[in-house]
Amino acid sequence: MPPRSKPNFSYILSYDAGEEEPVARLIEVKSTIASPLRFFVTRNEWDTCQNMGVAYRFHVWDLSGGL
């Protein structure tokens, strides 16, 4: 039996309350200290976003002001 390969996940799996049951959300977290805000999205992140539609969310953290 071939070894199991790890999936290439780079997002956080979360859930929102749906009208009848929880709805899965995939959250890609990005941070930046650049002003104006800018960040990079990999081809895999973009393709996953395109495939998952509204279930895929970007959360962008502005760290330009420090923590």
N, C-alpha and C. Protein backbone atom coordinates (compact mmCIF):
# COMPACT_ATOMS: atom_id res chain seq x y z
N MET A 1 0.85 -1.18 0.00
CA MET A 1 0.00 0.00 0.00
C MET A 1 0.89 1.24 0.00
N PRO A 2 0.68 2.19 -0.93
CA PRO A 2 1.54 3.38 -0.97
C PRO A 2 1.33 4.25 0.26
N PRO A 3 2.36 4.99 0.68
CA PRO A 3 2.19 5.87 1.83
C PRO A 3 1.19 6.97 1.55
N ARG A 4 0.48 7.36 2.56
CA ARG A 4 -0.49 8.46 2.41
C ARG A 4 0.24 9.78 2.30
N SER A 5 -0.13 10.56 1.34
CA SER A 5 0.47 11.89 1.23
C SER A 5 -0.38 12.88 2.00
N LYS A 6 0.27 13.88 2.56
CA LYS A 6 -0.44 14.92 3.28
C LYS A 6 -1.10 15.86 2.27
N PRO A 7 -2.33 16.27 2.56
CA PRO A 7 -2.94 17.27 1.68
C PRO A 7 -2.20 18.60 1.83
N ASN A 8 -2.20 19.38 0.79
CA ASN A 8 -1.50 20.66 0.81
C ASN A 8 -2.45 21.76 1.26
N PHE A 9 -2.82 21.76 2.55
CA PHE A 9 -3.74 22.75 3.08
C PHE A 9 -2.97 23.94 3.59
N SER A 10 -3.40 25.12 3.21
CA SER A 10 -2.76 26.33 3.72
C SER A 10 -3.80 27.28 4.29
N TYR A 11 -4.98 26.77 4.56
CA TYR A 11 -6.05 27.61 5.07
C TYR A 11 -6.58 27.03 6.38
N ILE A 12 -7.41 27.79 7.05
CA ILE A 12 -8.04 27.37 8.30
C ILE A 12 -9.46 26.95 7.98
N LEU A 13 -9.86 25.78 8.49
CA LEU A 13 -11.23 25.33 8.33
C LEU A 13 -12.05 25.88 9.49
N SER A 14 -13.13 26.57 9.19
CA SER A 14 -13.98 27.17 10.21
C SER A 14 -15.42 26.95 9.79
N TYR A 15 -16.34 27.36 10.64
CA TYR A 15 -17.76 27.20 10.33
C TYR A 15 -18.52 28.47 10.71
N ASP A 16 -19.52 28.80 9.92
CA ASP A 16 -20.48 29.86 10.23
C ASP A 16 -21.81 29.18 10.53
N ALA A 17 -22.59 29.82 11.36
CA ALA A 17 -23.93 29.29 11.62
C ALA A 17 -24.77 29.49 10.36
N GLY A 18 -25.26 28.42 9.84
CA GLY A 18 -26.16 28.50 8.69
C GLY A 18 -27.59 28.57 9.18
N GLU A 19 -28.53 28.71 8.26
CA GLU A 19 -29.93 28.76 8.65
C GLU A 19 -30.39 27.44 9.26
N GLU A 20 -29.88 26.33 8.74
CA GLU A 20 -30.31 25.02 9.25
C GLU A 20 -29.17 24.21 9.83
N GLU A 21 -27.95 24.45 9.40
CA GLU A 21 -26.80 23.71 9.91
C GLU A 21 -25.54 24.53 9.66
N PRO A 22 -24.44 24.20 10.34
CA PRO A 22 -23.20 24.97 10.13
C PRO A 22 -22.73 24.90 8.67
N VAL A 23 -22.11 25.98 8.21
CA VAL A 23 -21.60 26.08 6.85
C VAL A 23 -20.08 26.16 6.92
N ALA A 24 -19.40 25.27 6.21
CA ALA A 24 -17.94 25.24 6.22
C ALA A 24 -17.38 26.48 5.53
N ARG A 25 -16.33 27.04 6.11
CA ARG A 25 -15.61 28.17 5.53
C ARG A 25 -14.13 27.83 5.53
N LEU A 26 -13.44 28.20 4.48
CA LEU A 26 -12.00 28.05 4.40
C LEU A 26 -11.42 29.44 4.47
N ILE A 27 -10.57 29.68 5.47
CA ILE A 27 -10.07 31.03 5.70
C ILE A 27 -8.57 31.07 5.44
N GLU A 28 -8.15 31.92 4.52
CA GLU A 28 -6.74 32.16 4.21
C GLU A 28 -6.34 33.43 4.95
N VAL A 29 -5.39 33.32 5.85
CA VAL A 29 -4.97 34.46 6.65
C VAL A 29 -3.69 35.05 6.06
N LYS A 30 -3.72 36.35 5.81
CA LYS A 30 -2.56 37.07 5.30
C LYS A 30 -2.27 38.24 6.23
N SER A 31 -1.00 38.57 6.35
CA SER A 31 -0.64 39.75 7.14
C SER A 31 0.37 40.58 6.35
N THR A 32 0.41 41.86 6.67
CA THR A 32 1.34 42.75 5.98
C THR A 32 1.69 43.93 6.88
N ILE A 33 2.89 44.44 6.67
CA ILE A 33 3.29 45.68 7.33
C ILE A 33 3.41 46.80 6.29
N ALA A 34 3.11 46.46 5.04
CA ALA A 34 3.22 47.43 3.94
C ALA A 34 2.11 48.47 4.03
N SER A 35 2.45 49.69 3.62
CA SER A 35 1.47 50.76 3.55
C SER A 35 1.67 51.47 2.21
N PRO A 36 0.70 51.46 1.31
CA PRO A 36 -0.63 50.88 1.45
C PRO A 36 -0.56 49.35 1.53
N LEU A 37 -1.64 48.75 2.02
CA LEU A 37 -1.68 47.31 2.22
C LEU A 37 -1.44 46.56 0.92
N ARG A 38 -0.60 45.55 0.99
CA ARG A 38 -0.41 44.64 -0.15
C ARG A 38 0.11 43.32 0.40
N PHE A 39 -0.22 42.25 -0.32
CA PHE A 39 0.19 40.91 0.09
C PHE A 39 0.18 40.03 -1.15
N PHE A 40 0.79 38.86 -1.04
CA PHE A 40 0.89 37.93 -2.15
C PHE A 40 -0.09 36.79 -1.98
N VAL A 41 -0.67 36.36 -3.08
CA VAL A 41 -1.54 35.20 -3.12
C VAL A 41 -0.89 34.20 -4.07
N THR A 42 -0.64 32.99 -3.59
CA THR A 42 -0.02 31.98 -4.44
C THR A 42 -1.02 31.48 -5.48
N ARG A 43 -0.52 30.83 -6.49
CA ARG A 43 -1.38 30.25 -7.53
C ARG A 43 -2.33 29.23 -6.88
N ASN A 44 -1.81 28.41 -5.96
CA ASN A 44 -2.64 27.41 -5.29
C ASN A 44 -3.74 28.08 -4.47
N GLU A 45 -3.42 29.15 -3.75
CA GLU A 45 -4.44 29.87 -2.98
C GLU A 45 -5.52 30.44 -3.90
N TRP A 46 -5.09 31.03 -5.01
CA TRP A 46 -6.04 31.61 -5.95
C TRP A 46 -6.92 30.53 -6.58
N ASP A 47 -6.30 29.42 -6.99
CA ASP A 47 -7.08 28.32 -7.60
C ASP A 47 -8.08 27.74 -6.60
N THR A 48 -7.66 27.58 -5.35
CA THR A 48 -8.56 27.08 -4.31
C THR A 48 -9.70 28.05 -4.10
N CYS A 49 -9.40 29.33 -4.07
CA CYS A 49 -10.42 30.36 -3.93
C CYS A 49 -11.43 30.28 -5.07
N GLN A 50 -10.94 30.14 -6.28
CA GLN A 50 -11.82 30.05 -7.45
C GLN A 50 -12.70 28.81 -7.37
N ASN A 51 -12.13 27.69 -6.93
CA ASN A 51 -12.88 26.43 -6.85
C ASN A 51 -13.90 26.42 -5.72
N MET A 52 -13.59 27.06 -4.60
CA MET A 52 -14.46 27.01 -3.43
C MET A 52 -15.50 28.12 -3.40
N GLY A 53 -15.31 29.17 -4.20
CA GLY A 53 -16.28 30.25 -4.27
C GLY A 53 -16.45 30.98 -2.94
N VAL A 54 -17.70 31.22 -2.55
CA VAL A 54 -17.97 32.03 -1.36
C VAL A 54 -17.56 31.34 -0.06
N ALA A 55 -17.26 30.05 -0.10
CA ALA A 55 -16.81 29.35 1.11
C ALA A 55 -15.38 29.73 1.48
N TYR A 56 -14.63 30.30 0.54
CA TYR A 56 -13.23 30.65 0.76
C TYR A 56 -13.14 32.13 1.08
N ARG A 57 -12.49 32.46 2.20
CA ARG A 57 -12.39 33.85 2.64
C ARG A 57 -10.94 34.23 2.87
N PHE A 58 -10.62 35.46 2.58
CA PHE A 58 -9.32 36.02 2.94
C PHE A 58 -9.50 36.91 4.17
N HIS A 59 -8.70 36.69 5.19
CA HIS A 59 -8.63 37.60 6.34
C HIS A 59 -7.26 38.26 6.26
N VAL A 60 -7.25 39.56 6.10
CA VAL A 60 -5.99 40.30 5.95
C VAL A 60 -5.75 41.12 7.21
N TRP A 61 -4.58 40.91 7.81
CA TRP A 61 -4.19 41.59 9.04
C TRP A 61 -3.22 42.71 8.70
N ASP A 62 -3.57 43.93 9.08
CA ASP A 62 -2.71 45.10 8.89
C ASP A 62 -1.84 45.25 10.14
N LEU A 63 -0.54 44.92 10.01
CA LEU A 63 0.39 45.02 11.13
C LEU A 63 1.32 46.21 10.99
N SER A 64 0.95 47.15 10.13
CA SER A 64 1.82 48.31 9.89
C SER A 64 1.95 49.21 11.11
N GLY A 65 0.99 49.15 12.01
CA GLY A 65 1.05 49.97 13.23
C GLY A 65 1.70 49.25 14.38
N GLY A 66 2.22 48.06 14.16
CA GLY A 66 2.82 47.28 15.24
C GLY A 66 1.77 46.48 15.96
N LEU A 67 2.22 45.74 16.94
CA LEU A 67 1.29 44.88 17.70
C LEU A 67 0.89 45.52 18.99
